[in-house]
Amino acid sequence: MTPRTCLCGTAADICERSEARADGASDTFYWVACPVCGQIGPRIAAAGRGRDTVVAEAIAAWDAMLARARPLEA
């Protein structure tokens, strides 16, 4: 699954980041972002799910965000 191009026309990147919690555990988040204009999609927490599932959810959230911004292209 490939994310839609950004509002600026650039191909978006899938980003991943792990953050440590106060209790010593870590959370991993995925989101889609544009490397040119900095547009950022919603962050999706892995929460014990597989990487492919969470990445697909992050791409779907990015695509839905762009569909709201460009409704005639949806």
C-alpha atoms as a PDB file:
ATOM      1  CA  MET A   1       0.000   0.000   0.000  1.00  0.00           C
ATOM      2  CA  THR A   2       1.417   3.355  -1.073  1.00  0.00           C
ATOM      3  CA  PRO A   3       0.406   6.709   0.416  1.00  0.00           C
ATOM      4  CA  ARG A   4      -1.082   9.364  -1.860  1.00  0.00           C
ATOM      5  CA  THR A   5       1.165  12.214  -2.911  1.00  0.00           C
ATOM      6  CA  CYS A   6       1.221  15.203  -0.603  1.00  0.00           C
ATOM      7  CA  LEU A   7      -0.688  18.415  -1.243  1.00  0.00           C
ATOM      8  CA  CYS A   8       2.565  19.868  -2.607  1.00  0.00           C
ATOM      9  CA  GLY A   9       2.906  16.977  -5.096  1.00  0.00           C
ATOM     10  CA  THR A  10       5.787  15.158  -3.406  1.00  0.00           C
ATOM     11  CA  ALA A  11       5.844  11.434  -2.585  1.00  0.00           C
ATOM     12  CA  ALA A  12       5.337  10.999   1.167  1.00  0.00           C
ATOM     13  CA  ASP A  13       7.506   8.932   3.524  1.00  0.00           C
ATOM     14  CA  ILE A  14       6.432   6.435   6.185  1.00  0.00           C
ATOM     15  CA  CYS A  15       7.995   7.369   9.529  1.00  0.00           C
ATOM     16  CA  GLU A  16       8.594   5.271  12.635  1.00  0.00           C
ATOM     17  CA  ARG A  17       9.622   6.312  16.132  1.00  0.00           C
ATOM     18  CA  SER A  18       9.928   4.517  19.450  1.00  0.00           C
ATOM     19  CA  GLU A  19       9.440   6.538  22.610  1.00  0.00           C
ATOM     20  CA  ALA A  20      10.286   5.453  26.141  1.00  0.00           C
ATOM     21  CA  ARG A  21       7.563   5.681  28.764  1.00  0.00           C
ATOM     22  CA  ALA A  22       8.075   6.553  32.432  1.00  0.00           C
ATOM     23  CA  ASP A  23       7.587   2.892  33.438  1.00  0.00           C
ATOM     24  CA  GLY A  24      10.519   1.782  31.268  1.00  0.00           C
ATOM     25  CA  ALA A  25       8.449   0.296  28.430  1.00  0.00           C
ATOM     26  CA  SER A  26       8.468   1.812  24.974  1.00  0.00           C
ATOM     27  CA  ASP A  27       5.761   2.721  22.484  1.00  0.00           C
ATOM     28  CA  THR A  28       6.276   2.674  18.735  1.00  0.00           C
ATOM     29  CA  PHE A  29       4.406   5.128  16.529  1.00  0.00           C
ATOM     30  CA  TYR A  30       3.996   5.251  12.758  1.00  0.00           C
ATOM     31  CA  TRP A  31       2.857   8.126  10.561  1.00  0.00           C
ATOM     32  CA  VAL A  32       3.187   9.467   7.031  1.00  0.00           C
ATOM     33  CA  ALA A  33       4.991  12.761   6.420  1.00  0.00           C
ATOM     34  CA  CYS A  34       6.075  14.885   3.471  1.00  0.00           C
ATOM     35  CA  PRO A  35       9.852  15.441   3.340  1.00  0.00           C
ATOM     36  CA  VAL A  36       9.453  18.704   1.384  1.00  0.00           C
ATOM     37  CA  CYS A  37       6.653  20.768   2.938  1.00  0.00           C
ATOM     38  CA  GLY A  38       6.485  19.047   6.344  1.00  0.00           C
ATOM     39  CA  GLN A  39       2.827  17.977   6.183  1.00  0.00           C
ATOM     40  CA  ILE A  40       2.326  15.300   8.867  1.00  0.00           C
ATOM     41  CA  GLY A  41      -0.396  12.678   9.101  1.00  0.00           C
ATOM     42  CA  PRO A  42      -1.883  11.274  12.299  1.00  0.00           C
ATOM     43  CA  ARG A  43       0.452   9.231  14.517  1.00  0.00           C
ATOM     44  CA  ILE A  44      -0.715   5.644  14.974  1.00  0.00           C
ATOM     45  CA  ALA A  45       0.481   3.634  18.001  1.00  0.00           C
ATOM     46  CA  ALA A  46       1.564   0.042  17.366  1.00  0.00           C
ATOM     47  CA  ALA A  47       0.150  -1.135  20.718  1.00  0.00           C
ATOM     48  CA  GLY A  48       1.214  -4.752  20.226  1.00  0.00           C
ATOM     49  CA  ARG A  49      -0.007  -5.022  16.638  1.00  0.00           C
ATOM     50  CA  GLY A  50       2.121  -6.059  13.677  1.00  0.00           C
ATOM     51  CA  ARG A  51       4.116  -3.475  11.740  1.00  0.00           C
ATOM     52  CA  ASP A  52       2.272  -4.121   8.460  1.00  0.00           C
ATOM     53  CA  THR A  53      -1.114  -3.561  10.103  1.00  0.00           C
ATOM     54  CA  VAL A  54      -0.079  -0.310  11.756  1.00  0.00           C
ATOM     55  CA  VAL A  55       1.639   1.020   8.623  1.00  0.00           C
ATOM     56  CA  ALA A  56      -1.509   0.294   6.592  1.00  0.00           C
ATOM     57  CA  GLU A  57      -3.561   2.173   9.207  1.00  0.00           C
ATOM     58  CA  ALA A  58      -1.154   5.142   9.086  1.00  0.00           C
ATOM     59  CA  ILE A  59      -1.386   5.244   5.281  1.00  0.00           C
ATOM     60  CA  ALA A  60      -5.185   5.060   5.444  1.00  0.00           C
ATOM     61  CA  ALA A  61      -5.212   7.952   7.941  1.00  0.00           C
ATOM     62  CA  TRP A  62      -2.926  10.007   5.655  1.00  0.00           C
ATOM     63  CA  ASP A  63      -5.098   9.282   2.623  1.00  0.00           C
ATOM     64  CA  ALA A  64      -8.255  10.208   4.557  1.00  0.00           C
ATOM     65  CA  MET A  65      -6.648  13.471   5.704  1.00  0.00           C
ATOM     66  CA  LEU A  66      -5.765  14.376   2.110  1.00  0.00           C
ATOM     67  CA  ALA A  67      -9.246  13.375   0.912  1.00  0.00           C
ATOM     68  CA  ARG A  68     -10.704  15.928   3.344  1.00  0.00           C
ATOM     69  CA  ALA A  69      -8.338  18.590   1.991  1.00  0.00           C
ATOM     70  CA  ARG A  70      -8.979  17.674  -1.690  1.00  0.00           C
ATOM     71  CA  PRO A  71     -12.519  16.253  -1.778  1.00  0.00           C
ATOM     72  CA  LEU A  72     -12.833  16.396  -5.580  1.00  0.00           C
ATOM     73  CA  GLU A  73      -9.867  14.028  -6.006  1.00  0.00           C
ATOM     74  CA  ALA A  74     -11.095  11.418  -3.514  1.00  0.00           C
END
